[in-house]
């Protein structure tokens, strides 16, 4: 599969550099246009119908890039956010399951993002309605970046697209090899391909705590901590999650400070 790409960046050097990298290292991508701003980008989107947009956002505002997405009527493309901003933004990107590239662009990361794009495009071609959830995820990303707040909504990839969940609905998470099982208050659970470490970075640290190498819990539903026959966090619904011995001191200190 070959994807047709539009590059949107206000800096000409950045556009040309990314175009060269894509041409040299990503034969799966055909660059069909470049734009320095929203007006030109919108025209190209409406006439050329790209499969993917490499979209630069300038932090901390970033508004221009996201405004473009709001202005486009037919949203049937994927987005790769390109930014020089790190730290907080990375958590927001991961929570929204949106592909991103940090400047200066690493060739291996570029190749990986293109491979993920191809896999995602195949899923969305078979299930076009999934784009609704995808752009809901982008809206959340835009809102959280612009307001500089931790997201309460998390996008989870599945075989047909994306599932958007509220972190309040999560009771706990458990490592399952290189995947993560997410448990919900309604008794359901979901296996995601991301590791528990990724979720440790995504989730709000004021609400969730990693209490074991294999477990993260929702502190808002913690009812009790007991240290008989080992160390255990007891959540609402009598959900019992082990607390690792080497995390007990930090865990108890955190609870006393809440």
C-alpha atoms as a PDB file:
ATOM      1  CA  UNK A   1       0.000   0.000   0.000  1.00  0.00           C
ATOM      2  CA  UNK A   2       1.296   3.456  -0.949  1.00  0.00           C
ATOM      3  CA  UNK A   3      -0.005   6.440   1.012  1.00  0.00           C
ATOM      4  CA  UNK A   4      -0.348   9.918  -0.475  1.00  0.00           C
ATOM      5  CA  UNK A   5       0.935  12.532   1.963  1.00  0.00           C
ATOM      6  CA  UNK A   6       0.619  16.277   2.523  1.00  0.00           C
ATOM      7  CA  UNK A   7       3.240  18.105   4.605  1.00  0.00           C
ATOM      8  CA  UNK A   8       2.048  21.184   6.519  1.00  0.00           C
ATOM      9  CA  UNK A   9       4.710  23.333   8.189  1.00  0.00           C
ATOM     10  CA  UNK A  10       5.259  27.105   8.183  1.00  0.00           C
ATOM     11  CA  UNK A  11       9.025  26.627   7.787  1.00  0.00           C
ATOM     12  CA  UNK A  12      10.130  25.851   4.226  1.00  0.00           C
ATOM     13  CA  UNK A  13      13.330  24.119   5.363  1.00  0.00           C
ATOM     14  CA  UNK A  14      11.345  21.799   7.645  1.00  0.00           C
ATOM     15  CA  UNK A  15       8.930  20.904   4.835  1.00  0.00           C
ATOM     16  CA  UNK A  16      11.727  20.171   2.376  1.00  0.00           C
ATOM     17  CA  UNK A  17      13.697  18.173   4.929  1.00  0.00           C
ATOM     18  CA  UNK A  18      10.737  15.930   5.801  1.00  0.00           C
ATOM     19  CA  UNK A  19       9.892  15.510   2.114  1.00  0.00           C
ATOM     20  CA  UNK A  20      13.450  14.376   1.368  1.00  0.00           C
ATOM     21  CA  UNK A  21      13.455  11.934   4.294  1.00  0.00           C
ATOM     22  CA  UNK A  22      10.157  10.426   3.193  1.00  0.00           C
ATOM     23  CA  UNK A  23      11.335  10.106  -0.404  1.00  0.00           C
ATOM     24  CA  UNK A  24      14.670   8.564   0.578  1.00  0.00           C
ATOM     25  CA  UNK A  25      13.637   6.233   3.406  1.00  0.00           C
ATOM     26  CA  UNK A  26       9.891   5.597   3.115  1.00  0.00           C
ATOM     27  CA  UNK A  27       8.968   4.280  -0.342  1.00  0.00           C
ATOM     28  CA  UNK A  28       5.455   3.592   0.973  1.00  0.00           C
ATOM     29  CA  UNK A  29       4.817   7.368   1.037  1.00  0.00           C
ATOM     30  CA  UNK A  30       4.213   9.617  -1.971  1.00  0.00           C
ATOM     31  CA  UNK A  31       4.438  13.317  -1.078  1.00  0.00           C
ATOM     32  CA  UNK A  32       1.704  14.967  -3.151  1.00  0.00           C
ATOM     33  CA  UNK A  33       1.966  18.470  -1.723  1.00  0.00           C
ATOM     34  CA  UNK A  34       3.384  20.938   0.773  1.00  0.00           C
ATOM     35  CA  UNK A  35       1.657  23.814   2.531  1.00  0.00           C
ATOM     36  CA  UNK A  36       2.912  26.654   4.721  1.00  0.00           C
ATOM     37  CA  UNK A  37      -0.444  27.398   6.321  1.00  0.00           C
ATOM     38  CA  UNK A  38      -4.072  26.441   6.734  1.00  0.00           C
ATOM     39  CA  UNK A  39      -5.437  28.132   3.613  1.00  0.00           C
ATOM     40  CA  UNK A  40      -3.084  26.357   1.217  1.00  0.00           C
ATOM     41  CA  UNK A  41      -3.381  23.086   3.131  1.00  0.00           C
ATOM     42  CA  UNK A  42      -7.181  23.145   3.010  1.00  0.00           C
ATOM     43  CA  UNK A  43      -7.147  23.647  -0.773  1.00  0.00           C
ATOM     44  CA  UNK A  44      -4.792  20.705  -1.278  1.00  0.00           C
ATOM     45  CA  UNK A  45      -6.842  18.480   1.017  1.00  0.00           C
ATOM     46  CA  UNK A  46     -10.058  19.296  -0.854  1.00  0.00           C
ATOM     47  CA  UNK A  47      -8.555  18.715  -4.314  1.00  0.00           C
ATOM     48  CA  UNK A  48      -5.973  15.964  -3.751  1.00  0.00           C
ATOM     49  CA  UNK A  49      -7.575  13.989  -0.873  1.00  0.00           C
ATOM     50  CA  UNK A  50      -4.350  12.855   0.842  1.00  0.00           C
ATOM     51  CA  UNK A  51      -4.263   9.677   2.929  1.00  0.00           C
ATOM     52  CA  UNK A  52      -2.117  11.274   5.626  1.00  0.00           C
ATOM     53  CA  UNK A  53      -1.114  14.750   6.764  1.00  0.00           C
ATOM     54  CA  UNK A  54       2.212  15.422   8.477  1.00  0.00           C
ATOM     55  CA  UNK A  55       1.090  18.386  10.560  1.00  0.00           C
ATOM     56  CA  UNK A  56       3.448  20.706  12.409  1.00  0.00           C
ATOM     57  CA  UNK A  57       2.126  22.260  15.598  1.00  0.00           C
ATOM     58  CA  UNK A  58       3.914  25.055  17.388  1.00  0.00           C
ATOM     59  CA  UNK A  59       3.763  24.711  21.131  1.00  0.00           C
ATOM     60  CA  UNK A  60       2.505  25.884  23.524  1.00  0.00           C
ATOM     61  CA  UNK A  61      -0.241  27.397  21.335  1.00  0.00           C
ATOM     62  CA  UNK A  62      -0.419  24.824  18.546  1.00  0.00           C
ATOM     63  CA  UNK A  63      -3.808  26.227  17.619  1.00  0.00           C
ATOM     64  CA  UNK A  64      -3.131  26.766  13.927  1.00  0.00           C
ATOM     65  CA  UNK A  65      -2.586  23.113  13.097  1.00  0.00           C
ATOM     66  CA  UNK A  66      -5.609  21.891  14.985  1.00  0.00           C
ATOM     67  CA  UNK A  67      -7.798  24.640  13.547  1.00  0.00           C
ATOM     68  CA  UNK A  68      -7.045  23.190  10.113  1.00  0.00           C
ATOM     69  CA  UNK A  69      -8.539  19.863  11.158  1.00  0.00           C
ATOM     70  CA  UNK A  70     -11.686  21.621  12.374  1.00  0.00           C
ATOM     71  CA  UNK A  71     -12.073  23.489   9.076  1.00  0.00           C
ATOM     72  CA  UNK A  72     -11.874  20.431   6.810  1.00  0.00           C
ATOM     73  CA  UNK A  73     -15.302  18.977   6.082  1.00  0.00           C
ATOM     74  CA  UNK A  74     -14.456  15.474   4.825  1.00  0.00           C
ATOM     75  CA  UNK A  75     -12.123  13.950   7.396  1.00  0.00           C
ATOM     76  CA  UNK A  76     -10.923  10.719   5.837  1.00  0.00           C
ATOM     77  CA  UNK A  77      -7.183  11.012   6.412  1.00  0.00           C
ATOM     78  CA  UNK A  78      -4.717  10.130   9.144  1.00  0.00           C
ATOM     79  CA  UNK A  79      -2.536  12.642  10.964  1.00  0.00           C
ATOM     80  CA  UNK A  80       1.051  12.569  12.138  1.00  0.00           C
ATOM     81  CA  UNK A  81       1.784  15.441  14.518  1.00  0.00           C
ATOM     82  CA  UNK A  82       5.257  16.925  14.058  1.00  0.00           C
ATOM     83  CA  UNK A  83       6.575  19.006  16.940  1.00  0.00           C
ATOM     84  CA  UNK A  84       9.677  20.092  18.804  1.00  0.00           C
ATOM     85  CA  UNK A  85       7.766  20.115  22.088  1.00  0.00           C
ATOM     86  CA  UNK A  86       8.407  17.181  24.429  1.00  0.00           C
ATOM     87  CA  UNK A  87       7.630  16.377  28.070  1.00  0.00           C
ATOM     88  CA  UNK A  88       3.919  16.918  28.735  1.00  0.00           C
ATOM     89  CA  UNK A  89       2.944  16.695  25.065  1.00  0.00           C
ATOM     90  CA  UNK A  90       4.191  13.117  24.768  1.00  0.00           C
ATOM     91  CA  UNK A  91       1.685  11.986  27.390  1.00  0.00           C
ATOM     92  CA  UNK A  92      -1.092  13.750  25.505  1.00  0.00           C
ATOM     93  CA  UNK A  93      -0.065  12.211  22.176  1.00  0.00           C
ATOM     94  CA  UNK A  94       0.050   8.701  23.616  1.00  0.00           C
ATOM     95  CA  UNK A  95      -3.283   9.097  25.400  1.00  0.00           C
ATOM     96  CA  UNK A  96      -4.862  10.070  22.093  1.00  0.00           C
ATOM     97  CA  UNK A  97      -3.172   7.230  20.174  1.00  0.00           C
ATOM     98  CA  UNK A  98      -2.034   9.814  17.631  1.00  0.00           C
ATOM     99  CA  UNK A  99       1.233   9.273  15.819  1.00  0.00           C
ATOM    100  CA  UNK A 100       3.835  11.953  16.432  1.00  0.00           C
ATOM    101  CA  UNK A 101       7.370  12.824  15.404  1.00  0.00           C
ATOM    102  CA  UNK A 102       9.710  14.910  17.494  1.00  0.00           C
ATOM    103  CA  UNK A 103      12.017  17.395  15.807  1.00  0.00           C
ATOM    104  CA  UNK A 104      14.754  16.831  14.789  1.00  0.00           C
ATOM    105  CA  UNK A 105      13.201  13.838  13.054  1.00  0.00           C
ATOM    106  CA  UNK A 106      14.798  10.467  13.705  1.00  0.00           C
ATOM    107  CA  UNK A 107      14.828   8.242  10.602  1.00  0.00           C
ATOM    108  CA  UNK A 108      13.976   5.069  12.525  1.00  0.00           C
ATOM    109  CA  UNK A 109      11.034   6.807  14.211  1.00  0.00           C
ATOM    110  CA  UNK A 110       9.878   8.072  10.835  1.00  0.00           C
ATOM    111  CA  UNK A 111       9.961   4.564   9.370  1.00  0.00           C
ATOM    112  CA  UNK A 112       8.054   3.206  12.369  1.00  0.00           C
ATOM    113  CA  UNK A 113       5.375   5.865  12.101  1.00  0.00           C
ATOM    114  CA  UNK A 114       4.901   5.090   8.405  1.00  0.00           C
ATOM    115  CA  UNK A 115       4.554   1.374   9.132  1.00  0.00           C
ATOM    116  CA  UNK A 116       1.902   2.125  11.763  1.00  0.00           C
ATOM    117  CA  UNK A 117       0.114   4.410   9.335  1.00  0.00           C
ATOM    118  CA  UNK A 118      -0.125   1.641   6.763  1.00  0.00           C
ATOM    119  CA  UNK A 119      -1.534  -0.784   9.340  1.00  0.00           C
ATOM    120  CA  UNK A 120      -4.066   1.777  10.562  1.00  0.00           C
ATOM    121  CA  UNK A 121      -5.102   2.819   7.071  1.00  0.00           C
ATOM    122  CA  UNK A 122      -5.938  -0.810   6.260  1.00  0.00           C
ATOM    123  CA  UNK A 123      -8.200  -1.032   9.318  1.00  0.00           C
ATOM    124  CA  UNK A 124      -9.980   2.247   8.572  1.00  0.00           C
ATOM    125  CA  UNK A 125     -10.475   1.419   4.898  1.00  0.00           C
ATOM    126  CA  UNK A 126     -12.518  -1.594   5.982  1.00  0.00           C
ATOM    127  CA  UNK A 127     -14.298   0.403   8.719  1.00  0.00           C
ATOM    128  CA  UNK A 128     -14.656   4.047   7.593  1.00  0.00           C
ATOM    129  CA  UNK A 129     -16.924   4.835  10.537  1.00  0.00           C
ATOM    130  CA  UNK A 130     -13.856   4.450  12.756  1.00  0.00           C
ATOM    131  CA  UNK A 131     -12.683   7.858  11.573  1.00  0.00           C
ATOM    132  CA  UNK A 132     -15.316   9.394  13.857  1.00  0.00           C
ATOM    133  CA  UNK A 133     -13.593   8.004  16.949  1.00  0.00           C
ATOM    134  CA  UNK A 134     -10.211   8.870  15.457  1.00  0.00           C
ATOM    135  CA  UNK A 135     -11.072  12.549  15.066  1.00  0.00           C
ATOM    136  CA  UNK A 136     -12.734  12.613  18.486  1.00  0.00           C
ATOM    137  CA  UNK A 137      -9.332  11.514  19.754  1.00  0.00           C
ATOM    138  CA  UNK A 138      -7.677  14.364  17.854  1.00  0.00           C
ATOM    139  CA  UNK A 139     -10.128  16.839  19.390  1.00  0.00           C
ATOM    140  CA  UNK A 140      -9.194  15.593  22.845  1.00  0.00           C
ATOM    141  CA  UNK A 141      -5.522  15.981  21.996  1.00  0.00           C
ATOM    142  CA  UNK A 142      -6.070  19.538  20.774  1.00  0.00           C
ATOM    143  CA  UNK A 143      -8.069  20.507  23.849  1.00  0.00           C
ATOM    144  CA  UNK A 144      -5.633  19.006  26.324  1.00  0.00           C
ATOM    145  CA  UNK A 145      -2.533  20.492  24.691  1.00  0.00           C
ATOM    146  CA  UNK A 146      -4.028  23.958  24.420  1.00  0.00           C
ATOM    147  CA  UNK A 147      -5.280  23.898  28.016  1.00  0.00           C
ATOM    148  CA  UNK A 148      -2.128  22.148  29.237  1.00  0.00           C
ATOM    149  CA  UNK A 149      -4.108  19.644  31.256  1.00  0.00           C
ATOM    150  CA  UNK A 150      -3.935  15.882  31.729  1.00  0.00           C
ATOM    151  CA  UNK A 151      -6.454  14.044  29.604  1.00  0.00           C
ATOM    152  CA  UNK A 152      -9.254  12.064  31.257  1.00  0.00           C
ATOM    153  CA  UNK A 153     -10.034  10.331  27.948  1.00  0.00           C
ATOM    154  CA  UNK A 154      -7.795   7.646  26.489  1.00  0.00           C
ATOM    155  CA  UNK A 155      -7.891   6.179  23.005  1.00  0.00           C
ATOM    156  CA  UNK A 156      -7.273   2.437  22.707  1.00  0.00           C
ATOM    157  CA  UNK A 157      -6.568   0.807  19.353  1.00  0.00           C
ATOM    158  CA  UNK A 158      -8.468  -2.333  18.385  1.00  0.00           C
ATOM    159  CA  UNK A 159      -8.907  -4.427  15.268  1.00  0.00           C
ATOM    160  CA  UNK A 160     -11.489  -2.081  13.746  1.00  0.00           C
ATOM    161  CA  UNK A 161     -10.182   1.318  14.846  1.00  0.00           C
ATOM    162  CA  UNK A 162     -10.250   3.167  18.156  1.00  0.00           C
ATOM    163  CA  UNK A 163     -12.158   2.923  21.416  1.00  0.00           C
ATOM    164  CA  UNK A 164     -12.383   6.100  23.527  1.00  0.00           C
ATOM    165  CA  UNK A 165     -12.592   5.515  27.282  1.00  0.00           C
ATOM    166  CA  UNK A 166     -12.786   7.718  30.376  1.00  0.00           C
ATOM    167  CA  UNK A 167     -10.074   7.026  32.928  1.00  0.00           C
ATOM    168  CA  UNK A 168     -12.739   7.209  35.671  1.00  0.00           C
ATOM    169  CA  UNK A 169     -14.149   3.954  34.285  1.00  0.00           C
ATOM    170  CA  UNK A 170     -10.883   2.077  34.924  1.00  0.00           C
ATOM    171  CA  UNK A 171     -10.423   0.145  38.172  1.00  0.00           C
ATOM    172  CA  UNK A 172      -6.942  -1.234  37.566  1.00  0.00           C
ATOM    173  CA  UNK A 173      -4.501  -2.391  34.914  1.00  0.00           C
ATOM    174  CA  UNK A 174      -2.379  -5.511  34.765  1.00  0.00           C
ATOM    175  CA  UNK A 175       0.659  -6.372  32.656  1.00  0.00           C
ATOM    176  CA  UNK A 176       0.089  -9.284  30.275  1.00  0.00           C
ATOM    177  CA  UNK A 177       3.472  -9.928  28.716  1.00  0.00           C
ATOM    178  CA  UNK A 178       4.149  -6.928  26.477  1.00  0.00           C
ATOM    179  CA  UNK A 179       0.448  -6.023  26.545  1.00  0.00           C
ATOM    180  CA  UNK A 180      -1.847  -4.557  29.199  1.00  0.00           C
ATOM    181  CA  UNK A 181      -5.206  -5.796  30.449  1.00  0.00           C
ATOM    182  CA  UNK A 182      -7.453  -2.887  31.433  1.00  0.00           C
ATOM    183  CA  UNK A 183     -10.242  -3.640  33.941  1.00  0.00           C
ATOM    184  CA  UNK A 184     -13.383  -1.507  34.059  1.00  0.00           C
ATOM    185  CA  UNK A 185     -15.970  -0.736  36.743  1.00  0.00           C
ATOM    186  CA  UNK A 186     -18.690  -2.546  34.804  1.00  0.00           C
ATOM    187  CA  UNK A 187     -16.719  -5.794  35.126  1.00  0.00           C
ATOM    188  CA  UNK A 188     -15.471  -5.834  31.532  1.00  0.00           C
ATOM    189  CA  UNK A 189     -11.819  -5.885  30.528  1.00  0.00           C
ATOM    190  CA  UNK A 190      -9.801  -5.074  27.445  1.00  0.00           C
ATOM    191  CA  UNK A 191      -6.398  -6.222  26.201  1.00  0.00           C
ATOM    192  CA  UNK A 192      -4.298  -3.444  24.659  1.00  0.00           C
ATOM    193  CA  UNK A 193      -1.003  -3.945  22.831  1.00  0.00           C
ATOM    194  CA  UNK A 194       0.745  -1.145  24.722  1.00  0.00           C
ATOM    195  CA  UNK A 195       2.876  -2.023  27.744  1.00  0.00           C
ATOM    196  CA  UNK A 196       2.058  -1.169  31.343  1.00  0.00           C
ATOM    197  CA  UNK A 197       4.981   1.294  31.296  1.00  0.00           C
ATOM    198  CA  UNK A 198       3.282   3.244  28.518  1.00  0.00           C
ATOM    199  CA  UNK A 199       0.117   3.451  30.603  1.00  0.00           C
ATOM    200  CA  UNK A 200       2.123   4.533  33.621  1.00  0.00           C
ATOM    201  CA  UNK A 201       3.262   7.504  31.531  1.00  0.00           C
ATOM    202  CA  UNK A 202      -0.166   8.194  30.014  1.00  0.00           C
ATOM    203  CA  UNK A 203      -2.378   8.080  33.105  1.00  0.00           C
ATOM    204  CA  UNK A 204      -2.847  10.982  35.501  1.00  0.00           C
ATOM    205  CA  UNK A 205      -0.282  10.408  38.313  1.00  0.00           C
ATOM    206  CA  UNK A 206      -2.623  12.098  40.811  1.00  0.00           C
ATOM    207  CA  UNK A 207      -5.256   9.455  40.128  1.00  0.00           C
ATOM    208  CA  UNK A 208      -3.325   6.289  39.268  1.00  0.00           C
ATOM    209  CA  UNK A 209      -0.398   4.597  41.017  1.00  0.00           C
ATOM    210  CA  UNK A 210       1.851   1.748  39.982  1.00  0.00           C
ATOM    211  CA  UNK A 211       1.932  -0.479  43.032  1.00  0.00           C
ATOM    212  CA  UNK A 212       3.659  -3.485  41.496  1.00  0.00           C
ATOM    213  CA  UNK A 213       5.704  -4.289  38.402  1.00  0.00           C
ATOM    214  CA  UNK A 214       2.523  -5.815  36.982  1.00  0.00           C
ATOM    215  CA  UNK A 215      -0.220  -3.588  38.432  1.00  0.00           C
ATOM    216  CA  UNK A 216      -1.560  -0.016  38.349  1.00  0.00           C
ATOM    217  CA  UNK A 217      -4.583   0.972  40.455  1.00  0.00           C
ATOM    218  CA  UNK A 218      -7.155   3.784  40.400  1.00  0.00           C
ATOM    219  CA  UNK A 219      -6.592   5.617  43.685  1.00  0.00           C
ATOM    220  CA  UNK A 220     -10.065   7.170  43.579  1.00  0.00           C
ATOM    221  CA  UNK A 221     -11.639   3.784  44.294  1.00  0.00           C
ATOM    222  CA  UNK A 222      -9.032   2.561  46.801  1.00  0.00           C
ATOM    223  CA  UNK A 223     -10.832   1.480  49.999  1.00  0.00           C
ATOM    224  CA  UNK A 224      -8.080  -0.073  52.080  1.00  0.00           C
ATOM    225  CA  UNK A 225      -4.450  -1.113  52.273  1.00  0.00           C
ATOM    226  CA  UNK A 226      -3.714  -4.247  54.295  1.00  0.00           C
ATOM    227  CA  UNK A 227      -0.371  -5.813  55.162  1.00  0.00           C
ATOM    228  CA  UNK A 228      -1.522  -9.198  56.453  1.00  0.00           C
ATOM    229  CA  UNK A 229      -0.318 -12.178  54.424  1.00  0.00           C
ATOM    230  CA  UNK A 230       1.567  -9.850  52.120  1.00  0.00           C
ATOM    231  CA  UNK A 231       0.669  -6.363  50.983  1.00  0.00           C
ATOM    232  CA  UNK A 232      -2.649  -5.715  49.263  1.00  0.00           C
ATOM    233  CA  UNK A 233      -4.599  -2.745  47.919  1.00  0.00           C
ATOM    234  CA  UNK A 234      -8.353  -3.313  48.224  1.00  0.00           C
ATOM    235  CA  UNK A 235     -10.481  -1.438  45.705  1.00  0.00           C
ATOM    236  CA  UNK A 236     -14.232  -0.927  45.514  1.00  0.00           C
ATOM    237  CA  UNK A 237     -16.006  -4.181  44.730  1.00  0.00           C
ATOM    238  CA  UNK A 238     -13.470  -6.021  46.896  1.00  0.00           C
ATOM    239  CA  UNK A 239     -10.938  -6.030  44.057  1.00  0.00           C
ATOM    240  CA  UNK A 240      -7.633  -7.058  45.598  1.00  0.00           C
ATOM    241  CA  UNK A 241      -4.370  -6.029  43.945  1.00  0.00           C
ATOM    242  CA  UNK A 242      -0.912  -6.962  45.291  1.00  0.00           C
ATOM    243  CA  UNK A 243       1.476  -4.213  46.357  1.00  0.00           C
ATOM    244  CA  UNK A 244       5.154  -5.019  45.810  1.00  0.00           C
ATOM    245  CA  UNK A 245       7.274  -5.014  48.951  1.00  0.00           C
ATOM    246  CA  UNK A 246       9.739  -2.527  47.455  1.00  0.00           C
ATOM    247  CA  UNK A 247       6.898  -0.088  46.703  1.00  0.00           C
ATOM    248  CA  UNK A 248       5.171  -0.215  50.093  1.00  0.00           C
ATOM    249  CA  UNK A 249       7.026   2.683  51.734  1.00  0.00           C
ATOM    250  CA  UNK A 250       6.415   5.044  48.813  1.00  0.00           C
ATOM    251  CA  UNK A 251       2.799   3.878  48.490  1.00  0.00           C
ATOM    252  CA  UNK A 252       1.977   4.442  52.176  1.00  0.00           C
ATOM    253  CA  UNK A 253       3.710   7.852  52.123  1.00  0.00           C
ATOM    254  CA  UNK A 254       1.664   8.851  49.114  1.00  0.00           C
ATOM    255  CA  UNK A 255      -1.595   7.754  50.771  1.00  0.00           C
ATOM    256  CA  UNK A 256      -0.860   9.727  53.933  1.00  0.00           C
ATOM    257  CA  UNK A 257      -0.143  12.773  51.831  1.00  0.00           C
ATOM    258  CA  UNK A 258      -3.423  12.647  49.896  1.00  0.00           C
END
